């Protein structure tokens, strides 16, 4: 028997937030929102630092590590 649970939206990962401007705008509320140009100019680590300030220290533990240089060349 199937349950009648509503479909849940999946929550984006911290890395998805740090790499997708639309998600960033939807989920990250700052006193002054960054422009898409500013967002693209920031490194992922800079954005993860901002997210850590918003959501706490567990952010780096919950975010998957970036691909290694060897994996990026493959």
C-alpha atoms as a PDB file:
ATOM      1  CA  UNK A   1       0.000   0.000   0.000  1.00  0.00           C
ATOM      2  CA  UNK A   2       1.353   3.384  -0.962  1.00  0.00           C
ATOM      3  CA  UNK A   3       1.399   6.222   1.510  1.00  0.00           C
ATOM      4  CA  UNK A   4      -0.174   9.558   0.757  1.00  0.00           C
ATOM      5  CA  UNK A   5       2.918  11.536   1.729  1.00  0.00           C
ATOM      6  CA  UNK A   6       3.473  14.698  -0.273  1.00  0.00           C
ATOM      7  CA  UNK A   7       6.523  14.740  -2.506  1.00  0.00           C
ATOM      8  CA  UNK A   8       9.363  16.409  -0.692  1.00  0.00           C
ATOM      9  CA  UNK A   9      11.674  18.808  -2.487  1.00  0.00           C
ATOM     10  CA  UNK A  10      15.226  17.714  -2.083  1.00  0.00           C
ATOM     11  CA  UNK A  11      17.433  20.220  -0.313  1.00  0.00           C
ATOM     12  CA  UNK A  12      20.452  21.407  -2.281  1.00  0.00           C
ATOM     13  CA  UNK A  13      23.876  20.510  -0.983  1.00  0.00           C
ATOM     14  CA  UNK A  14      26.190  23.275   0.167  1.00  0.00           C
ATOM     15  CA  UNK A  15      28.347  22.707  -2.902  1.00  0.00           C
ATOM     16  CA  UNK A  16      25.260  23.063  -5.142  1.00  0.00           C
ATOM     17  CA  UNK A  17      24.466  26.355  -3.416  1.00  0.00           C
ATOM     18  CA  UNK A  18      28.053  27.528  -3.926  1.00  0.00           C
ATOM     19  CA  UNK A  19      27.990  26.741  -7.647  1.00  0.00           C
ATOM     20  CA  UNK A  20      24.446  27.709  -8.706  1.00  0.00           C
ATOM     21  CA  UNK A  21      23.503  31.404  -8.616  1.00  0.00           C
ATOM     22  CA  UNK A  22      19.744  30.741  -8.803  1.00  0.00           C
ATOM     23  CA  UNK A  23      19.881  28.387  -5.809  1.00  0.00           C
ATOM     24  CA  UNK A  24      22.127  30.853  -3.970  1.00  0.00           C
ATOM     25  CA  UNK A  25      19.540  33.619  -4.416  1.00  0.00           C
ATOM     26  CA  UNK A  26      16.715  31.337  -3.308  1.00  0.00           C
ATOM     27  CA  UNK A  27      18.326  29.891  -0.164  1.00  0.00           C
ATOM     28  CA  UNK A  28      21.041  32.318   1.000  1.00  0.00           C
ATOM     29  CA  UNK A  29      19.633  35.481   2.516  1.00  0.00           C
ATOM     30  CA  UNK A  30      22.272  38.120   3.087  1.00  0.00           C
ATOM     31  CA  UNK A  31      21.869  41.731   4.162  1.00  0.00           C
ATOM     32  CA  UNK A  32      23.190  42.713   0.746  1.00  0.00           C
ATOM     33  CA  UNK A  33      22.670  40.215  -2.063  1.00  0.00           C
ATOM     34  CA  UNK A  34      25.576  39.654  -4.423  1.00  0.00           C
ATOM     35  CA  UNK A  35      25.215  40.151  -8.164  1.00  0.00           C
ATOM     36  CA  UNK A  36      25.653  37.228 -10.522  1.00  0.00           C
ATOM     37  CA  UNK A  37      28.991  38.723 -11.625  1.00  0.00           C
ATOM     38  CA  UNK A  38      30.204  38.925  -8.002  1.00  0.00           C
ATOM     39  CA  UNK A  39      28.969  35.380  -7.390  1.00  0.00           C
ATOM     40  CA  UNK A  40      30.890  34.061 -10.402  1.00  0.00           C
ATOM     41  CA  UNK A  41      34.055  35.908  -9.343  1.00  0.00           C
ATOM     42  CA  UNK A  42      34.068  34.317  -5.869  1.00  0.00           C
ATOM     43  CA  UNK A  43      35.789  30.987  -5.384  1.00  0.00           C
ATOM     44  CA  UNK A  44      33.775  28.029  -4.132  1.00  0.00           C
ATOM     45  CA  UNK A  45      35.749  28.204  -0.868  1.00  0.00           C
ATOM     46  CA  UNK A  46      34.734  31.859  -0.417  1.00  0.00           C
ATOM     47  CA  UNK A  47      31.089  30.941  -0.938  1.00  0.00           C
ATOM     48  CA  UNK A  48      31.398  27.972   1.435  1.00  0.00           C
ATOM     49  CA  UNK A  49      32.814  30.380   4.047  1.00  0.00           C
ATOM     50  CA  UNK A  50      29.739  32.606   3.604  1.00  0.00           C
ATOM     51  CA  UNK A  51      27.478  29.562   3.900  1.00  0.00           C
ATOM     52  CA  UNK A  52      29.333  28.518   7.061  1.00  0.00           C
ATOM     53  CA  UNK A  53      28.550  31.936   8.532  1.00  0.00           C
ATOM     54  CA  UNK A  54      24.883  31.449   7.641  1.00  0.00           C
ATOM     55  CA  UNK A  55      24.423  27.795   8.562  1.00  0.00           C
ATOM     56  CA  UNK A  56      27.229  26.890  10.986  1.00  0.00           C
ATOM     57  CA  UNK A  57      30.476  24.992  11.169  1.00  0.00           C
ATOM     58  CA  UNK A  58      29.076  21.648  10.003  1.00  0.00           C
ATOM     59  CA  UNK A  59      29.020  22.927   6.422  1.00  0.00           C
ATOM     60  CA  UNK A  60      32.494  21.699   5.466  1.00  0.00           C
ATOM     61  CA  UNK A  61      31.794  18.278   6.978  1.00  0.00           C
ATOM     62  CA  UNK A  62      28.565  17.947   4.992  1.00  0.00           C
ATOM     63  CA  UNK A  63      29.885  19.199   1.662  1.00  0.00           C
ATOM     64  CA  UNK A  64      31.530  16.662  -0.594  1.00  0.00           C
ATOM     65  CA  UNK A  65      35.183  17.452  -1.310  1.00  0.00           C
ATOM     66  CA  UNK A  66      36.022  19.092  -4.623  1.00  0.00           C
ATOM     67  CA  UNK A  67      37.338  16.808  -7.374  1.00  0.00           C
ATOM     68  CA  UNK A  68      41.076  16.279  -7.331  1.00  0.00           C
ATOM     69  CA  UNK A  69      43.254  17.690 -10.091  1.00  0.00           C
ATOM     70  CA  UNK A  70      43.845  14.155 -11.408  1.00  0.00           C
ATOM     71  CA  UNK A  71      40.098  13.520 -11.642  1.00  0.00           C
ATOM     72  CA  UNK A  72      39.559  16.855 -13.396  1.00  0.00           C
ATOM     73  CA  UNK A  73      42.099  15.894 -16.112  1.00  0.00           C
ATOM     74  CA  UNK A  74      40.555  12.482 -16.727  1.00  0.00           C
END
